[in-house]
Amino acid sequence: MKVITGGVLIDGTGRDPLTGATVVIGDDGRIEQVGRIDSLPKGAEVVDVAGKTIMPGLIDCHVHFFVDLKPLHELVAAPVSLRVIQAVENARLTLDAGVTSVRETSGTPIGFKRAAAQGLIAAPRMKISVAPLSQTGGHGDMTLPNGSVHPLLPYGNPLEWPNTVFDGVDGARKAARLVLRAGADFIKMMTTGGVLSPSTEPHHTQLTREEIATIVYEAKAQGKVCAAHAQGTEGIRNAVECGVESIEHGIYMDEAVIDLMKRKGTFLVPTLQAPMASIRRGEDHPGSVLPQSMRKAREVVDIHRRNVGIAIQAGVKVAMGTDAGVGYHGTNAEELRLMVEAGMTPMQSIVASTKVASECAHMDAEVGTLTPGKFADLLVVDGNPLDDIGILEDKSRLLMILQGGRAHKNTMERA
């Protein structure tokens, strides 16, 4: 049994912080008690965190462990086995950043998830979508004008990474069934163009409503849900009206579609970091981002921030997501600061990154808040993120990172 005591508790629910709080963690890695406790359990390992903040581990609802924007010649030369090892490092960097759970929105196969679950690698808990569903010439079709395929994702074994570029309702049904067979926890589809795809624009509408509805049906038939890469207004509206549960990016949301999302309870995963990260990558590593993608990223930054701010003020359910892989892995906490800059309070950004994110990822029965019965995925932070949300970006301020009660990082002394 482990006891974390004396800290300021931010439990992830949005309730006011509690000073002098204690979290009691059982041998099974789950929280047994939380709050102010008069007497500590005898024989427990006690860690005094007085003056520090105790909070849930962060949850990133949009990451790509197998994506790392690099110059084309490096990606082309990398065998799949090397890409797997690089993904292991990306997962570790994410956990180092205090992100204890993720929703992996294309690229990660079932074997990688199983390795993490078995403790073979240091990685966040994860829900995976395996591969994105895209129309021919859509955002998920990385075919270049010369006929070669951009090696953004390491499509090696077709069973682990099925080909999910399709056309028509029958193609949609087949693609959905392929990713479900490959172990997808949810289905990711592309209902608009995007910044990084070689031949589409973010406002382009992709997939017909019939195709979207077919994918949603196939997911629902197996008790699963859908997320949509959706940046253009019409593609966002189509996805929401057809029953997609979360909108990724949402760059060109207008007030009508924002109202629709609020009424239907659709999640928004803003990924505010993504356009700026694309620009940073392209400037840091020339050749890693296509020229047309650099142009598109610069065009959408301000529009994206403005419209996410409108959605926040309207009360849309916002779940934190970064598009890590576009941005540097391990910089996930920047998204909390960007959400605050877009109009959230620091507490709202924490709730979006814990409780709401756990609901979006369908992990809320196990993680997301510091509540008895849930896994002890928690952080001990040097300082108060409600005073300065940016301290979460400083990994040296993350004094303890627990995942299921086990320490991935612990710089605190036992009492």
Protein backbone atom coordinates (compact mmCIF):
# COMPACT_ATOMS: atom_id res chain seq x y z
CA MET A 1 0.00 0.00 0.00
CA LYS A 2 1.20 3.52 -0.84
CA VAL A 3 0.12 6.85 0.63
CA ILE A 4 0.68 10.27 -0.98
CA THR A 5 -0.11 12.88 1.65
CA GLY A 6 0.00 16.58 2.49
CA GLY A 7 -0.48 18.01 -0.98
CA VAL A 8 -2.99 20.27 -2.66
CA LEU A 9 -5.45 18.01 -4.47
CA ILE A 10 -6.85 18.83 -7.93
CA ASP A 11 -8.97 15.74 -8.49
CA GLY A 12 -9.89 16.31 -12.15
CA THR A 13 -13.61 16.85 -11.57
CA GLY A 14 -13.41 20.64 -11.54
CA ARG A 15 -14.08 20.89 -7.80
CA ASP A 16 -12.08 23.44 -5.83
CA PRO A 17 -8.60 22.29 -4.77
CA LEU A 18 -8.31 20.58 -1.38
CA THR A 19 -5.32 21.38 0.83
CA GLY A 20 -3.72 18.82 3.11
CA ALA A 21 -5.06 15.97 1.01
CA THR A 22 -4.12 12.30 1.02
CA VAL A 23 -4.40 9.61 -1.63
CA VAL A 24 -4.28 5.99 -0.44
CA ILE A 25 -3.31 3.48 -3.13
CA GLY A 26 -3.91 -0.25 -2.73
CA ASP A 27 -1.60 -3.04 -3.82
CA ASP A 28 -3.73 -3.47 -6.94
CA GLY A 29 -2.78 0.04 -8.08
CA ARG A 30 -6.24 1.47 -7.48
CA ILE A 31 -7.22 4.39 -5.27
CA GLU A 32 -8.74 3.30 -1.97
CA GLN A 33 -9.22 6.67 -0.27
CA VAL A 34 -8.79 10.30 -1.27
CA GLY A 35 -9.31 13.54 0.64
CA ARG A 36 -8.48 14.59 4.18
CA ILE A 37 -7.80 11.47 6.19
CA ASP A 38 -7.38 11.50 9.99
CA SER A 39 -5.20 8.39 10.35
CA LEU A 40 -2.92 6.85 7.74
CA PRO A 41 -2.94 3.08 7.16
CA LYS A 42 -0.32 1.26 9.23
CA GLY A 43 2.58 -0.25 7.35
CA ALA A 44 2.01 1.80 4.21
CA GLU A 45 4.76 3.47 2.22
CA VAL A 46 4.16 7.15 2.94
CA VAL A 47 5.35 10.01 0.73
CA ASP A 48 4.96 13.54 2.10
CA VAL A 49 4.21 16.00 -0.70
CA ALA A 50 3.43 19.06 1.39
CA GLY A 51 3.43 22.21 -0.73
CA LYS A 52 3.06 20.23 -3.95
CA THR A 53 0.06 19.59 -6.18
CA ILE A 54 -1.50 16.16 -6.62
CA MET A 55 -3.50 15.77 -9.83
CA PRO A 56 -4.57 13.08 -12.31
CA GLY A 57 -2.23 12.01 -15.06
CA LEU A 58 -2.92 13.84 -18.32
CA ILE A 59 -4.84 12.15 -21.13
CA ASP A 60 -4.06 13.07 -24.74
CA CYS A 61 -6.89 12.15 -27.10
CA HIS A 62 -4.94 12.61 -30.34
CA VAL A 63 -1.45 11.16 -30.69
CA HIS A 64 0.50 9.23 -33.33
CA PHE A 65 3.36 7.22 -31.83
CA PHE A 66 4.44 5.94 -35.25
CA VAL A 67 4.54 9.43 -36.78
CA ASP A 68 7.58 11.67 -36.47
CA LEU A 69 7.92 14.31 -39.16
CA LYS A 70 11.35 13.97 -40.72
CA PRO A 71 12.86 14.62 -44.15
CA LEU A 72 11.53 12.19 -46.74
CA HIS A 73 14.87 10.50 -47.35
CA GLU A 74 15.07 9.52 -43.67
CA LEU A 75 11.56 8.07 -43.63
CA VAL A 76 12.08 6.16 -46.87
CA ALA A 77 15.30 4.61 -45.59
CA ALA A 78 13.85 3.50 -42.24
CA PRO A 79 12.77 -0.17 -42.05
CA VAL A 80 9.59 -0.98 -40.18
CA SER A 81 11.58 -2.51 -37.31
CA LEU A 82 13.38 0.80 -36.77
CA ARG A 83 10.09 2.69 -36.84
CA VAL A 84 8.78 0.39 -34.11
CA ILE A 85 11.76 1.16 -31.85
CA GLN A 86 11.34 4.87 -32.54
CA ALA A 87 7.67 4.56 -31.57
CA VAL A 88 8.74 2.96 -28.28
CA GLU A 89 10.86 6.04 -27.58
CA ASN A 90 7.97 8.33 -28.55
CA ALA A 91 5.70 6.53 -26.10
CA ARG A 92 8.26 6.88 -23.31
CA LEU A 93 8.67 10.60 -23.99
CA THR A 94 4.90 10.96 -23.76
CA LEU A 95 4.79 9.23 -20.38
CA ASP A 96 7.73 11.38 -19.24
CA ALA A 97 5.52 14.42 -19.99
CA GLY A 98 2.92 13.27 -17.47
CA VAL A 99 0.57 11.79 -20.07
CA THR A 100 -0.52 8.48 -18.57
CA SER A 101 -3.24 7.59 -21.13
CA VAL A 102 -3.77 8.32 -24.81
CA ARG A 103 -6.18 7.80 -27.65
CA GLU A 104 -3.92 6.85 -30.58
CA THR A 105 -5.57 8.22 -33.69
CA SER A 106 -3.90 6.09 -36.38
CA GLY A 107 -0.62 4.34 -36.91
CA THR A 108 -0.24 2.14 -33.84
CA PRO A 109 -0.96 -1.58 -34.30
CA ILE A 110 -2.42 -3.99 -31.75
CA GLY A 111 0.94 -5.59 -30.90
CA PHE A 112 2.32 -2.28 -29.68
CA LYS A 113 -0.71 -1.75 -27.44
CA ARG A 114 -0.32 -5.26 -26.03
CA ALA A 115 3.38 -4.69 -25.33
CA ALA A 116 2.46 -1.61 -23.30
CA ALA A 117 -0.30 -3.45 -21.42
CA GLN A 118 2.12 -6.25 -20.56
CA GLY A 119 4.68 -3.79 -19.20
CA LEU A 120 7.25 -4.62 -21.89
CA ILE A 121 7.63 -0.94 -22.76
CA ALA A 122 7.13 2.32 -20.87
CA ALA A 123 4.03 3.81 -22.46
CA PRO A 124 0.70 5.42 -21.62
CA ARG A 125 -2.44 3.33 -21.49
CA MET A 126 -3.91 3.48 -24.95
CA LYS A 127 -6.96 3.11 -27.12
CA ILE A 128 -6.02 2.65 -30.77
CA SER A 129 -7.63 3.16 -34.18
CA VAL A 130 -4.87 1.33 -36.14
CA ALA A 131 -5.31 3.07 -39.53
CA PRO A 132 -7.40 6.00 -40.79
CA LEU A 133 -10.28 5.53 -43.24
CA SER A 134 -9.97 7.82 -46.25
CA GLN A 135 -11.41 8.20 -49.71
CA THR A 136 -9.08 7.93 -52.68
CA GLY A 137 -7.23 11.22 -52.88
CA GLY A 138 -8.37 12.10 -49.37
CA HIS A 139 -6.45 13.21 -46.31
CA GLY A 140 -5.42 9.65 -45.48
CA ASP A 141 -4.27 8.85 -49.02
CA MET A 142 -0.58 9.73 -49.01
CA THR A 143 -0.02 8.95 -52.70
CA LEU A 144 2.24 11.57 -54.25
CA PRO A 145 1.81 12.92 -57.81
CA ASN A 146 4.60 10.62 -59.08
CA GLY A 147 2.72 7.56 -57.82
CA SER A 148 4.92 6.85 -54.81
CA VAL A 149 3.44 6.83 -51.33
CA HIS A 150 4.62 9.27 -48.66
CA PRO A 151 6.05 7.07 -45.87
CA LEU A 152 4.42 9.05 -43.05
CA LEU A 153 3.15 5.81 -41.54
CA PRO A 154 5.10 2.52 -41.67
CA TYR A 155 2.60 0.37 -43.51
CA GLY A 156 4.42 -2.96 -43.39
CA ASN A 157 2.36 -6.02 -42.45
CA PRO A 158 -1.06 -5.50 -44.14
CA LEU A 159 -2.82 -7.36 -41.31
CA GLU A 160 -1.48 -4.99 -38.67
CA TRP A 161 -1.75 -1.92 -40.92
CA PRO A 162 -4.58 -2.63 -43.38
CA ASN A 163 -5.07 -0.51 -46.49
CA THR A 164 -8.04 1.68 -45.60
CA VAL A 165 -8.22 3.97 -48.64
CA PHE A 166 -11.59 3.24 -50.23
CA ASP A 167 -14.49 4.55 -52.30
CA GLY A 168 -18.23 4.01 -51.94
CA VAL A 169 -20.43 2.45 -49.31
CA ASP A 170 -19.16 -1.10 -49.89
CA GLY A 171 -15.59 0.15 -49.64
CA ALA A 172 -16.42 1.99 -46.42
CA ARG A 173 -17.91 -1.16 -44.91
CA LYS A 174 -14.88 -3.24 -45.88
CA ALA A 175 -12.38 -0.68 -44.56
CA ALA A 176 -14.24 -0.40 -41.24
CA ARG A 177 -14.27 -4.16 -40.82
CA LEU A 178 -10.57 -4.37 -41.66
CA VAL A 179 -9.52 -2.00 -38.87
CA LEU A 180 -11.90 -3.62 -36.42
CA ARG A 181 -10.40 -7.00 -37.26
CA ALA A 182 -6.95 -5.49 -36.75
CA GLY A 183 -7.85 -4.55 -33.18
CA ALA A 184 -9.15 -0.98 -33.39
CA ASP A 185 -10.85 0.28 -30.23
CA PHE A 186 -12.52 3.01 -32.28
CA ILE A 187 -12.58 4.06 -35.93
CA LYS A 188 -10.85 7.15 -37.24
CA MET A 189 -12.12 8.57 -40.54
CA MET A 190 -11.17 11.56 -42.67
CA THR A 191 -14.19 13.71 -43.59
CA THR A 192 -12.16 16.65 -44.89
CA GLY A 193 -8.80 17.43 -46.36
CA GLY A 194 -5.96 18.54 -44.15
CA VAL A 195 -2.70 20.35 -43.68
CA LEU A 196 -0.22 17.50 -44.09
CA SER A 197 -1.81 15.55 -46.93
CA PRO A 198 -0.09 16.24 -50.24
CA SER A 199 -3.07 17.08 -52.46
CA THR A 200 -5.98 18.29 -50.32
CA GLU A 201 -7.00 21.52 -48.61
CA PRO A 202 -8.39 21.70 -45.05
CA HIS A 203 -11.76 23.04 -46.24
CA HIS A 204 -12.31 20.27 -48.82
CA THR A 205 -15.26 18.00 -48.00
CA GLN A 206 -14.51 14.28 -48.16
CA LEU A 207 -16.60 11.11 -47.78
CA THR A 208 -20.30 11.08 -48.56
CA ARG A 209 -22.85 11.02 -45.78
CA GLU A 210 -23.71 7.46 -46.82
CA GLU A 211 -20.07 6.41 -46.41
CA ILE A 212 -19.81 8.13 -43.01
CA ALA A 213 -23.08 6.57 -41.82
CA THR A 214 -21.90 3.12 -42.92
CA ILE A 215 -18.67 3.46 -40.93
CA VAL A 216 -20.58 4.68 -37.87
CA TYR A 217 -22.95 1.71 -38.20
CA GLU A 218 -20.10 -0.82 -38.43
CA ALA A 219 -18.43 0.66 -35.35
CA LYS A 220 -21.67 0.73 -33.38
CA ALA A 221 -22.44 -2.87 -34.35
CA GLN A 222 -19.33 -3.86 -32.40
CA GLY A 223 -19.96 -1.50 -29.50
CA LYS A 224 -17.47 1.07 -30.71
CA VAL A 225 -17.46 4.71 -31.81
CA CYS A 226 -15.97 6.95 -34.46
CA ALA A 227 -13.71 9.99 -34.52
CA ALA A 228 -13.38 12.23 -37.56
CA HIS A 229 -10.46 14.28 -38.77
CA ALA A 230 -12.66 17.20 -39.75
CA GLN A 231 -11.37 20.68 -40.52
CA GLY A 232 -13.77 22.15 -43.11
CA THR A 233 -17.25 23.28 -42.12
CA GLU A 234 -19.27 20.90 -44.29
CA GLY A 235 -17.15 17.89 -43.40
CA ILE A 236 -17.57 18.67 -39.71
CA ARG A 237 -21.35 19.01 -40.11
CA ASN A 238 -21.60 15.73 -42.06
CA ALA A 239 -19.68 13.86 -39.38
CA VAL A 240 -21.71 15.27 -36.50
CA GLU A 241 -25.07 14.67 -38.17
CA CYS A 242 -24.11 11.08 -39.05
CA GLY A 243 -23.24 10.22 -35.45
CA VAL A 244 -19.47 10.60 -35.24
CA GLU A 245 -18.62 11.04 -31.55
CA SER A 246 -15.60 13.33 -31.73
CA ILE A 247 -14.36 16.00 -34.12
CA GLU A 248 -10.60 16.26 -34.41
CA HIS A 249 -9.20 19.75 -35.15
CA GLY A 250 -12.44 21.58 -36.09
CA ILE A 251 -10.58 24.44 -37.74
CA TYR A 252 -13.43 25.93 -39.80
CA MET A 253 -16.28 25.39 -37.32
CA ASP A 254 -18.96 28.06 -37.69
CA GLU A 255 -21.57 29.03 -35.11
CA ALA A 256 -24.21 26.74 -36.60
CA VAL A 257 -22.01 23.65 -36.47
CA ILE A 258 -20.78 24.59 -32.98
CA ASP A 259 -24.41 24.76 -31.84
CA LEU A 260 -25.04 21.37 -33.47
CA MET A 261 -22.06 19.84 -31.66
CA LYS A 262 -23.26 21.22 -28.34
CA ARG A 263 -26.78 19.89 -28.84
CA LYS A 264 -25.56 16.43 -29.82
CA GLY A 265 -22.87 16.27 -27.13
CA THR A 266 -20.08 15.83 -29.69
CA PHE A 267 -16.56 16.08 -28.35
CA LEU A 268 -14.11 18.56 -29.84
CA VAL A 269 -10.43 17.57 -29.76
CA PRO A 270 -8.84 20.87 -30.85
CA THR A 271 -5.15 19.99 -31.37
CA LEU A 272 -4.24 23.67 -31.21
CA GLN A 273 -0.61 22.65 -31.13
CA ALA A 274 -0.73 20.96 -34.54
CA PRO A 275 -0.55 23.85 -37.06
CA MET A 276 2.15 25.65 -35.07
CA ALA A 277 4.04 22.38 -34.63
CA SER A 278 3.96 21.76 -38.39
CA ILE A 279 5.57 25.16 -38.94
CA ARG A 280 8.19 24.51 -36.23
CA ARG A 281 9.06 21.13 -37.72
CA GLY A 282 9.41 22.55 -41.21
CA GLU A 283 11.65 25.34 -39.97
CA ASP A 284 13.72 23.10 -37.69
CA HIS A 285 14.15 20.32 -40.26
CA PRO A 286 13.83 21.59 -43.84
CA GLY A 287 12.27 18.94 -46.05
CA SER A 288 10.28 17.31 -43.26
CA VAL A 289 7.09 19.20 -44.15
CA LEU A 290 5.93 19.62 -47.75
CA PRO A 291 5.94 23.24 -49.01
CA GLN A 292 2.17 23.19 -49.55
CA SER A 293 1.71 21.95 -45.97
CA MET A 294 3.79 24.81 -44.60
CA ARG A 295 1.57 27.21 -46.52
CA LYS A 296 -1.62 25.60 -45.23
CA ALA A 297 -0.38 25.55 -41.62
CA ARG A 298 0.35 29.28 -41.70
CA GLU A 299 -3.08 29.99 -43.18
CA VAL A 300 -5.05 28.18 -40.46
CA VAL A 301 -3.28 29.05 -37.18
CA ASP A 302 -5.28 32.16 -36.32
CA ILE A 303 -8.59 30.85 -37.69
CA HIS A 304 -8.16 27.66 -35.67
CA ARG A 305 -7.49 29.48 -32.40
CA ARG A 306 -10.43 31.85 -32.92
CA ASN A 307 -12.99 29.16 -33.70
CA VAL A 308 -11.87 26.88 -30.88
CA GLY A 309 -12.30 29.86 -28.57
CA ILE A 310 -15.88 30.31 -29.82
CA ALA A 311 -16.58 26.62 -29.21
CA ILE A 312 -15.16 26.86 -25.68
CA GLN A 313 -17.37 29.85 -24.87
CA ALA A 314 -20.39 28.04 -26.33
CA GLY A 315 -19.88 25.12 -23.97
CA VAL A 316 -18.85 22.39 -26.44
CA LYS A 317 -17.26 19.39 -24.69
CA VAL A 318 -13.52 19.86 -25.25
CA ALA A 319 -11.08 17.00 -24.74
CA MET A 320 -7.35 17.63 -24.87
CA GLY A 321 -5.45 16.36 -27.89
CA THR A 322 -2.19 17.44 -29.47
CA ASP A 323 -1.60 15.54 -32.74
CA ALA A 324 1.75 14.53 -31.26
CA GLY A 325 3.92 13.19 -34.04
CA VAL A 326 3.18 16.36 -35.96
CA GLY A 327 4.50 18.15 -32.88
CA TYR A 328 7.46 16.79 -30.97
CA HIS A 329 6.61 13.84 -28.76
CA GLY A 330 6.77 14.78 -25.10
CA THR A 331 5.56 18.36 -25.57
CA ASN A 332 1.93 17.40 -24.94
CA ALA A 333 1.38 19.74 -21.97
CA GLU A 334 1.75 22.76 -24.25
CA GLU A 335 -1.82 22.08 -25.34
CA LEU A 336 -3.14 23.03 -21.88
CA ARG A 337 -1.53 26.46 -22.14
CA LEU A 338 -2.89 26.90 -25.67
CA MET A 339 -6.41 26.03 -24.49
CA VAL A 340 -6.06 28.66 -21.75
CA GLU A 341 -4.91 31.19 -24.34
CA ALA A 342 -8.01 30.28 -26.40
CA GLY A 343 -10.34 31.10 -23.51
CA MET A 344 -10.33 28.34 -20.89
CA THR A 345 -9.48 28.84 -17.25
CA PRO A 346 -6.53 26.75 -16.00
CA MET A 347 -9.00 24.51 -14.13
CA GLN A 348 -11.06 24.01 -17.29
CA SER A 349 -7.95 23.04 -19.23
CA ILE A 350 -7.04 20.47 -16.56
CA VAL A 351 -10.56 19.01 -16.60
CA ALA A 352 -10.41 18.87 -20.42
CA SER A 353 -7.14 16.95 -20.09
CA THR A 354 -8.35 14.51 -17.43
CA LYS A 355 -12.07 13.93 -16.82
CA VAL A 356 -13.42 14.99 -20.22
CA ALA A 357 -10.54 13.36 -22.07
CA SER A 358 -11.20 10.08 -20.24
CA GLU A 359 -14.84 10.25 -21.35
CA CYS A 360 -13.84 10.96 -24.94
CA ALA A 361 -11.44 8.00 -24.88
CA HIS A 362 -14.00 5.76 -23.12
CA MET A 363 -11.58 5.26 -20.24
CA ASP A 364 -13.58 7.11 -17.60
CA ALA A 365 -14.45 3.97 -15.63
CA GLU A 366 -10.74 3.44 -14.94
CA VAL A 367 -8.91 6.80 -15.06
CA GLY A 368 -9.41 10.54 -15.48
CA THR A 369 -10.22 11.60 -11.91
CA LEU A 370 -8.69 10.81 -8.53
CA THR A 371 -11.65 8.79 -7.31
CA PRO A 372 -11.79 5.63 -5.18
CA GLY A 373 -11.88 2.54 -7.37
CA LYS A 374 -10.00 4.09 -10.29
CA PHE A 375 -6.37 3.41 -11.15
CA ALA A 376 -3.87 5.66 -9.40
CA ASP A 377 -2.62 7.44 -12.50
CA LEU A 378 -1.42 10.66 -10.93
CA LEU A 379 1.15 13.42 -10.94
CA VAL A 380 2.86 15.27 -8.12
CA VAL A 381 3.74 18.72 -9.40
CA ASP A 382 6.17 21.25 -7.94
CA GLY A 383 3.93 24.31 -7.91
CA ASN A 384 0.31 25.08 -8.62
CA PRO A 385 -0.82 24.78 -12.27
CA LEU A 386 -3.89 26.86 -11.46
CA ASP A 387 -1.53 29.78 -10.90
CA ASP A 388 0.61 29.00 -13.96
CA ILE A 389 -0.60 26.26 -16.29
CA GLY A 390 2.74 26.44 -18.09
CA ILE A 391 4.58 24.69 -15.26
CA LEU A 392 3.21 21.40 -16.58
CA GLU A 393 5.42 21.87 -19.65
CA ASP A 394 8.51 21.78 -17.43
CA LYS A 395 9.28 18.09 -16.87
CA SER A 396 11.55 18.94 -13.94
CA ARG A 397 8.41 20.14 -12.13
CA LEU A 398 6.81 16.70 -12.50
CA LEU A 399 8.23 15.20 -9.32
CA MET A 400 6.23 11.99 -9.45
CA ILE A 401 4.43 10.17 -12.28
CA LEU A 402 2.41 7.17 -11.17
CA GLN A 403 0.62 4.79 -13.51
CA GLY A 404 -1.59 2.28 -11.77
CA GLY A 405 0.19 3.12 -8.52
CA ARG A 406 3.60 2.22 -9.97
CA ALA A 407 6.21 4.93 -10.24
CA HIS A 408 7.37 5.77 -13.73
CA LYS A 409 9.17 8.69 -12.08
CA ASN A 410 9.67 9.50 -8.41
CA THR A 411 12.00 12.17 -7.04
CA MET A 412 10.19 12.40 -3.68
CA GLU A 413 11.61 10.95 -0.46
CA ARG A 414 9.59 8.61 1.70
CA ALA A 415 8.33 10.22 4.92
